N, C-alpha and C. Protein backbone atom coordinates (compact mmCIF):
# COMPACT_ATOMS: atom_id res chain seq x y z
N UNK A 1 15.64 -4.98 7.48
CA UNK A 1 14.71 -4.93 8.58
C UNK A 1 14.96 -6.13 9.49
N UNK A 2 14.83 -5.90 10.78
CA UNK A 2 15.02 -6.99 11.75
C UNK A 2 13.93 -8.04 11.61
N UNK A 3 14.30 -9.29 11.86
CA UNK A 3 13.36 -10.41 11.75
C UNK A 3 12.14 -10.23 12.66
N UNK A 4 12.36 -9.88 13.92
CA UNK A 4 11.23 -9.75 14.84
C UNK A 4 10.27 -8.64 14.42
N UNK A 5 10.81 -7.56 13.88
CA UNK A 5 9.95 -6.46 13.41
C UNK A 5 9.15 -6.89 12.17
N UNK A 6 9.79 -7.61 11.25
CA UNK A 6 9.08 -8.09 10.06
C UNK A 6 7.93 -9.01 10.44
N UNK A 7 8.18 -9.93 11.37
CA UNK A 7 7.13 -10.88 11.78
C UNK A 7 5.93 -10.16 12.40
N UNK A 8 6.19 -9.09 13.14
CA UNK A 8 5.10 -8.32 13.73
C UNK A 8 4.35 -7.52 12.67
N UNK A 9 5.07 -6.81 11.80
CA UNK A 9 4.43 -5.98 10.78
C UNK A 9 3.63 -6.83 9.80
N UNK A 10 4.16 -8.00 9.44
CA UNK A 10 3.46 -8.88 8.50
C UNK A 10 2.32 -9.65 9.18
N UNK A 11 2.25 -9.53 10.50
CA UNK A 11 1.22 -10.18 11.30
C UNK A 11 1.30 -11.72 11.26
N UNK A 12 2.48 -12.23 10.98
CA UNK A 12 2.69 -13.68 11.11
C UNK A 12 2.69 -14.05 12.59
N UNK A 13 3.26 -13.16 13.41
CA UNK A 13 3.24 -13.30 14.87
C UNK A 13 2.73 -11.97 15.42
N UNK A 14 1.81 -12.04 16.37
CA UNK A 14 1.08 -10.84 16.81
C UNK A 14 1.94 -9.78 17.50
N UNK A 15 2.86 -10.20 18.37
CA UNK A 15 3.64 -9.23 19.13
C UNK A 15 5.12 -9.41 18.88
N UNK A 16 5.86 -8.31 18.92
CA UNK A 16 7.29 -8.35 18.65
C UNK A 16 8.04 -9.13 19.74
N UNK A 17 7.60 -9.01 20.97
CA UNK A 17 8.27 -9.77 22.04
C UNK A 17 8.08 -11.27 21.85
N UNK A 18 6.91 -11.68 21.39
CA UNK A 18 6.66 -13.09 21.10
C UNK A 18 7.51 -13.55 19.92
N UNK A 19 7.64 -12.70 18.91
CA UNK A 19 8.49 -13.02 17.75
C UNK A 19 9.94 -13.20 18.20
N UNK A 20 10.39 -12.38 19.13
CA UNK A 20 11.75 -12.49 19.65
C UNK A 20 11.95 -13.82 20.38
N UNK A 21 10.96 -14.20 21.19
CA UNK A 21 11.05 -15.46 21.92
C UNK A 21 11.10 -16.66 20.98
N UNK A 22 10.25 -16.65 19.95
CA UNK A 22 10.22 -17.75 18.97
C UNK A 22 11.56 -17.87 18.26
N UNK A 23 12.13 -16.74 17.87
CA UNK A 23 13.43 -16.75 17.18
C UNK A 23 14.53 -17.24 18.12
N UNK A 24 14.52 -16.78 19.37
CA UNK A 24 15.55 -17.18 20.32
C UNK A 24 15.46 -18.65 20.70
N UNK A 25 14.29 -19.27 20.51
CA UNK A 25 14.14 -20.70 20.78
C UNK A 25 14.64 -21.55 19.60
N UNK A 26 15.06 -20.91 18.51
CA UNK A 26 15.59 -21.63 17.37
C UNK A 26 14.53 -22.22 16.47
N UNK A 27 13.34 -21.61 16.44
CA UNK A 27 12.24 -22.15 15.63
C UNK A 27 12.09 -21.45 14.29
N UNK A 28 13.04 -20.55 13.95
CA UNK A 28 12.97 -19.84 12.67
C UNK A 28 14.32 -19.95 11.97
N UNK A 29 14.27 -20.20 10.66
CA UNK A 29 15.51 -20.19 9.88
C UNK A 29 15.30 -19.29 8.65
N UNK A 30 16.37 -18.62 8.26
CA UNK A 30 16.37 -17.75 7.08
C UNK A 30 17.31 -18.37 6.06
N UNK A 31 16.77 -18.72 4.90
CA UNK A 31 17.56 -19.35 3.83
C UNK A 31 18.37 -20.54 4.34
N UNK A 32 17.76 -21.34 5.22
CA UNK A 32 18.40 -22.54 5.72
C UNK A 32 19.33 -22.36 6.90
N UNK A 33 19.52 -21.12 7.37
CA UNK A 33 20.41 -20.86 8.51
C UNK A 33 19.58 -20.43 9.72
N UNK A 34 20.00 -20.89 10.89
CA UNK A 34 19.32 -20.54 12.13
C UNK A 34 19.28 -19.02 12.29
N UNK A 35 18.14 -18.48 12.70
CA UNK A 35 17.98 -17.03 12.79
C UNK A 35 17.79 -16.57 14.22
N UNK A 36 18.27 -15.37 14.50
CA UNK A 36 18.03 -14.69 15.77
C UNK A 36 17.03 -13.58 15.51
N UNK A 37 16.48 -13.01 16.57
CA UNK A 37 15.51 -11.92 16.43
C UNK A 37 16.13 -10.72 15.73
N UNK A 38 17.43 -10.52 15.91
CA UNK A 38 18.10 -9.36 15.32
C UNK A 38 18.61 -9.61 13.91
N UNK A 39 18.39 -10.80 13.37
CA UNK A 39 18.82 -11.11 12.00
C UNK A 39 18.14 -10.17 11.02
N UNK A 40 18.87 -9.78 9.99
CA UNK A 40 18.34 -8.87 8.98
C UNK A 40 17.70 -9.69 7.86
N UNK A 41 16.46 -9.32 7.49
CA UNK A 41 15.78 -9.97 6.38
C UNK A 41 15.66 -9.00 5.22
N UNK A 42 15.62 -9.56 4.01
CA UNK A 42 15.46 -8.72 2.83
C UNK A 42 14.52 -9.42 1.85
N UNK A 43 14.10 -8.69 0.84
CA UNK A 43 13.17 -9.23 -0.16
C UNK A 43 13.81 -10.43 -0.83
N UNK A 44 13.06 -11.51 -0.97
CA UNK A 44 13.55 -12.73 -1.60
C UNK A 44 14.00 -13.78 -0.61
N UNK A 45 14.18 -13.41 0.65
CA UNK A 45 14.59 -14.39 1.67
C UNK A 45 13.47 -15.39 1.91
N UNK A 46 13.88 -16.61 2.23
CA UNK A 46 12.93 -17.69 2.52
C UNK A 46 13.00 -18.00 4.01
N UNK A 47 11.85 -17.89 4.69
CA UNK A 47 11.78 -18.17 6.12
C UNK A 47 11.05 -19.48 6.35
N UNK A 48 11.56 -20.28 7.28
CA UNK A 48 10.86 -21.48 7.72
C UNK A 48 10.58 -21.27 9.20
N UNK A 49 9.29 -21.26 9.55
CA UNK A 49 8.86 -21.00 10.92
C UNK A 49 8.12 -22.22 11.43
N UNK A 50 8.49 -22.66 12.65
CA UNK A 50 7.82 -23.81 13.26
C UNK A 50 6.81 -23.30 14.28
N UNK A 51 5.52 -23.49 13.95
CA UNK A 51 4.42 -23.15 14.86
C UNK A 51 3.91 -24.46 15.43
N UNK A 52 4.31 -24.81 16.63
CA UNK A 52 3.88 -26.06 17.24
C UNK A 52 4.26 -27.25 16.39
N UNK A 53 3.27 -27.97 15.84
CA UNK A 53 3.53 -29.13 15.00
C UNK A 53 3.45 -28.82 13.51
N UNK A 54 3.51 -27.54 13.15
CA UNK A 54 3.37 -27.14 11.75
C UNK A 54 4.59 -26.34 11.29
N UNK A 55 5.10 -26.68 10.12
CA UNK A 55 6.20 -25.93 9.51
C UNK A 55 5.63 -25.08 8.37
N UNK A 56 5.87 -23.78 8.43
CA UNK A 56 5.38 -22.87 7.40
C UNK A 56 6.59 -22.26 6.70
N UNK A 57 6.64 -22.39 5.38
CA UNK A 57 7.72 -21.80 4.58
C UNK A 57 7.15 -20.62 3.82
N UNK A 58 7.76 -19.45 4.01
CA UNK A 58 7.29 -18.25 3.32
C UNK A 58 8.45 -17.58 2.60
N UNK A 59 8.13 -16.78 1.60
CA UNK A 59 9.13 -15.98 0.91
C UNK A 59 8.73 -14.53 1.06
N UNK A 60 9.69 -13.68 1.43
CA UNK A 60 9.42 -12.26 1.63
C UNK A 60 9.32 -11.59 0.26
N UNK A 61 8.21 -10.90 0.01
CA UNK A 61 8.00 -10.23 -1.28
C UNK A 61 8.15 -8.72 -1.20
N UNK A 62 8.01 -8.14 0.01
CA UNK A 62 8.14 -6.70 0.17
C UNK A 62 8.47 -6.37 1.62
N UNK A 63 9.12 -5.23 1.82
CA UNK A 63 9.41 -4.75 3.16
C UNK A 63 8.87 -3.33 3.29
N UNK A 64 8.09 -3.09 4.33
CA UNK A 64 7.57 -1.75 4.61
C UNK A 64 7.59 -1.52 6.10
N UNK A 65 7.74 -0.27 6.50
CA UNK A 65 7.78 0.06 7.93
C UNK A 65 6.41 -0.07 8.59
N UNK A 66 5.35 0.30 7.86
CA UNK A 66 4.00 0.18 8.40
C UNK A 66 3.07 -0.30 7.30
N UNK A 67 2.09 -1.11 7.67
CA UNK A 67 1.07 -1.57 6.73
C UNK A 67 -0.26 -1.66 7.45
N UNK A 68 -1.33 -1.57 6.69
CA UNK A 68 -2.65 -1.78 7.24
C UNK A 68 -2.89 -3.28 7.37
N UNK A 69 -3.84 -3.63 8.23
CA UNK A 69 -4.10 -5.05 8.52
C UNK A 69 -4.39 -5.86 7.26
N UNK A 70 -5.22 -5.31 6.36
CA UNK A 70 -5.58 -6.07 5.16
C UNK A 70 -4.50 -6.08 4.09
N UNK A 71 -3.44 -5.28 4.26
CA UNK A 71 -2.32 -5.27 3.31
C UNK A 71 -1.14 -6.10 3.81
N UNK A 72 -1.22 -6.60 5.02
CA UNK A 72 -0.08 -7.31 5.63
C UNK A 72 0.31 -8.56 4.84
N UNK A 73 -0.66 -9.27 4.25
CA UNK A 73 -0.33 -10.50 3.52
C UNK A 73 0.40 -10.22 2.21
N UNK A 74 0.46 -8.98 1.78
CA UNK A 74 1.20 -8.64 0.56
C UNK A 74 2.71 -8.65 0.79
N UNK A 75 3.15 -8.71 2.05
CA UNK A 75 4.57 -8.67 2.36
C UNK A 75 5.25 -10.03 2.19
N UNK A 76 4.46 -11.09 2.11
CA UNK A 76 5.03 -12.44 2.00
C UNK A 76 4.13 -13.33 1.17
N UNK A 77 4.73 -14.44 0.73
CA UNK A 77 3.98 -15.45 -0.02
C UNK A 77 4.24 -16.79 0.65
N UNK A 78 3.17 -17.52 0.96
CA UNK A 78 3.33 -18.83 1.58
C UNK A 78 3.71 -19.84 0.49
N UNK A 79 4.84 -20.48 0.67
CA UNK A 79 5.32 -21.46 -0.30
C UNK A 79 4.73 -22.83 0.03
N UNK A 80 4.82 -23.23 1.33
CA UNK A 80 4.22 -24.51 1.71
C UNK A 80 3.97 -24.56 3.20
N UNK A 81 3.03 -25.39 3.56
CA UNK A 81 2.72 -25.69 4.96
C UNK A 81 2.73 -27.20 5.12
N UNK A 82 3.39 -27.68 6.17
CA UNK A 82 3.45 -29.12 6.38
C UNK A 82 3.51 -29.44 7.87
N UNK A 83 3.11 -30.64 8.21
CA UNK A 83 3.19 -31.08 9.60
C UNK A 83 4.62 -31.47 9.91
N UNK A 84 5.06 -31.09 11.12
CA UNK A 84 6.45 -31.37 11.52
C UNK A 84 6.57 -32.76 12.10
């Protein structure tokens, strides 16, 4: 699944276009490598996302095409949050 689509479906970022912009600015890495919006993610991948002054590290636990709002957090597990 594409990175921008995963971020939207998991509701980490509200809109896919915003997810694309964040990835294109170089604020997301997958398993330690710089990621683009079109990068492919899979179960077990570790994402580091920079939201302003905060670094959030998550691990992907599941991939689904559609999820309900209250099930979205089942797609990932937050490993750590820290100030950048």
